Amino acid sequence: MAALETFHRPIRPDDVNNYEPPAPTPGCDICGALARQMKEASDPDSPAYDLSHATDLAVEMRRHPHDWKKGKRR
């Protein structure tokens, strides 16, 4: 039971329904490619349908850095 105490709040069923997939950054070819792959992986009619892969792509898109375009990348 100790593991349950680490949650900040309980997960409610409506949390899943409020999910917004990440939007690709305009002009970023990598974000565009990730968005296309995520769309295919999320489509039940697609041969590439794989919700686990779609989730991985969404995480990758959210974490994809864009500071390097402004010369801020170290």
C-alpha atoms as a PDB file:
ATOM      1  CA  MET A   1       0.000   0.000   0.000  1.00  0.00           C
ATOM      2  CA  ALA A   2       2.929   2.376   0.448  1.00  0.00           C
ATOM      3  CA  ALA A   3       3.234   2.832  -3.321  1.00  0.00           C
ATOM      4  CA  LEU A   4      -0.290   4.229  -3.495  1.00  0.00           C
ATOM      5  CA  GLU A   5       0.707   7.046  -1.158  1.00  0.00           C
ATOM      6  CA  THR A   6       3.094   8.457  -3.781  1.00  0.00           C
ATOM      7  CA  PHE A   7       0.281   9.584  -6.104  1.00  0.00           C
ATOM      8  CA  HIS A   8      -0.601  13.254  -5.869  1.00  0.00           C
ATOM      9  CA  ARG A   9      -4.224  12.617  -6.699  1.00  0.00           C
ATOM     10  CA  PRO A  10      -6.313   9.651  -7.777  1.00  0.00           C
ATOM     11  CA  ILE A  11      -6.597   8.958 -11.485  1.00  0.00           C
ATOM     12  CA  ARG A  12     -10.152   9.479 -12.669  1.00  0.00           C
ATOM     13  CA  PRO A  13     -11.733   7.970 -15.803  1.00  0.00           C
ATOM     14  CA  ASP A  14     -12.402  11.440 -17.234  1.00  0.00           C
ATOM     15  CA  ASP A  15      -8.619  12.134 -17.264  1.00  0.00           C
ATOM     16  CA  VAL A  16      -8.275   9.758 -20.213  1.00  0.00           C
ATOM     17  CA  ASN A  17     -11.029  11.526 -22.145  1.00  0.00           C
ATOM     18  CA  ASN A  18      -9.358  14.929 -21.749  1.00  0.00           C
ATOM     19  CA  TYR A  19      -6.095  13.882 -23.440  1.00  0.00           C
ATOM     20  CA  GLU A  20      -4.801  16.305 -26.050  1.00  0.00           C
ATOM     21  CA  PRO A  21      -2.102  14.909 -28.328  1.00  0.00           C
ATOM     22  CA  PRO A  22       0.914  17.176 -28.781  1.00  0.00           C
ATOM     23  CA  ALA A  23       0.898  19.543 -31.725  1.00  0.00           C
ATOM     24  CA  PRO A  24       3.952  19.616 -33.992  1.00  0.00           C
ATOM     25  CA  THR A  25       6.018  22.794 -33.918  1.00  0.00           C
ATOM     26  CA  PRO A  26       5.503  24.688 -37.185  1.00  0.00           C
ATOM     27  CA  GLY A  27       8.496  24.391 -39.475  1.00  0.00           C
ATOM     28  CA  CYS A  28      10.060  21.449 -37.608  1.00  0.00           C
ATOM     29  CA  ASP A  29      10.501  18.479 -39.946  1.00  0.00           C
ATOM     30  CA  ILE A  30      11.117  16.081 -37.050  1.00  0.00           C
ATOM     31  CA  CYS A  31       7.878  17.091 -35.304  1.00  0.00           C
ATOM     32  CA  GLY A  32       6.029  16.733 -38.608  1.00  0.00           C
ATOM     33  CA  ALA A  33       7.373  13.217 -39.145  1.00  0.00           C
ATOM     34  CA  LEU A  34       6.533  12.228 -35.564  1.00  0.00           C
ATOM     35  CA  ALA A  35       3.002  13.617 -35.975  1.00  0.00           C
ATOM     36  CA  ARG A  36       2.457  11.601 -39.180  1.00  0.00           C
ATOM     37  CA  GLN A  37       3.706   8.418 -37.531  1.00  0.00           C
ATOM     38  CA  MET A  38       1.579   9.086 -34.446  1.00  0.00           C
ATOM     39  CA  LYS A  39      -1.520   9.585 -36.600  1.00  0.00           C
ATOM     40  CA  GLU A  40      -0.906   6.265 -38.395  1.00  0.00           C
ATOM     41  CA  ALA A  41      -0.219   4.422 -35.137  1.00  0.00           C
ATOM     42  CA  SER A  42      -3.453   5.834 -33.631  1.00  0.00           C
ATOM     43  CA  ASP A  43      -5.697   4.881 -36.565  1.00  0.00           C
ATOM     44  CA  PRO A  44      -7.394   1.483 -35.998  1.00  0.00           C
ATOM     45  CA  ASP A  45      -7.754   1.059 -39.780  1.00  0.00           C
ATOM     46  CA  SER A  46      -4.032   1.539 -40.409  1.00  0.00           C
ATOM     47  CA  PRO A  47      -1.671  -1.428 -40.765  1.00  0.00           C
ATOM     48  CA  ALA A  48       0.690   0.526 -38.463  1.00  0.00           C
ATOM     49  CA  TYR A  49      -1.960   0.642 -35.675  1.00  0.00           C
ATOM     50  CA  ASP A  50      -0.175   0.361 -32.321  1.00  0.00           C
ATOM     51  CA  LEU A  51      -1.360   2.523 -29.419  1.00  0.00           C
ATOM     52  CA  SER A  52       1.772   1.815 -27.410  1.00  0.00           C
ATOM     53  CA  HIS A  53       3.910   3.143 -30.262  1.00  0.00           C
ATOM     54  CA  ALA A  54       1.576   6.148 -30.653  1.00  0.00           C
ATOM     55  CA  THR A  55       2.121   6.954 -26.971  1.00  0.00           C
ATOM     56  CA  ASP A  56       5.899   6.649 -27.372  1.00  0.00           C
ATOM     57  CA  LEU A  57       5.779   9.032 -30.339  1.00  0.00           C
ATOM     58  CA  ALA A  58       3.696  11.547 -28.367  1.00  0.00           C
ATOM     59  CA  VAL A  59       6.247  11.499 -25.549  1.00  0.00           C
ATOM     60  CA  GLU A  60       9.094  11.920 -28.026  1.00  0.00           C
ATOM     61  CA  MET A  61       7.342  14.879 -29.659  1.00  0.00           C
ATOM     62  CA  ARG A  62       6.719  16.582 -26.309  1.00  0.00           C
ATOM     63  CA  ARG A  63      10.375  16.137 -25.319  1.00  0.00           C
ATOM     64  CA  HIS A  64      11.841  17.104 -28.686  1.00  0.00           C
ATOM     65  CA  PRO A  65      14.065  20.187 -28.171  1.00  0.00           C
ATOM     66  CA  HIS A  66      13.715  23.301 -30.285  1.00  0.00           C
ATOM     67  CA  ASP A  67      16.160  25.642 -28.511  1.00  0.00           C
ATOM     68  CA  TRP A  68      18.953  24.613 -30.874  1.00  0.00           C
ATOM     69  CA  LYS A  69      17.296  26.639 -33.630  1.00  0.00           C
ATOM     70  CA  LYS A  70      17.811  29.764 -31.556  1.00  0.00           C
ATOM     71  CA  GLY A  71      21.440  28.980 -30.760  1.00  0.00           C
ATOM     72  CA  LYS A  72      20.645  28.114 -27.137  1.00  0.00           C
ATOM     73  CA  ARG A  73      21.543  24.444 -27.242  1.00  0.00           C
ATOM     74  CA  ARG A  74      24.659  23.525 -25.248  1.00  0.00           C
END
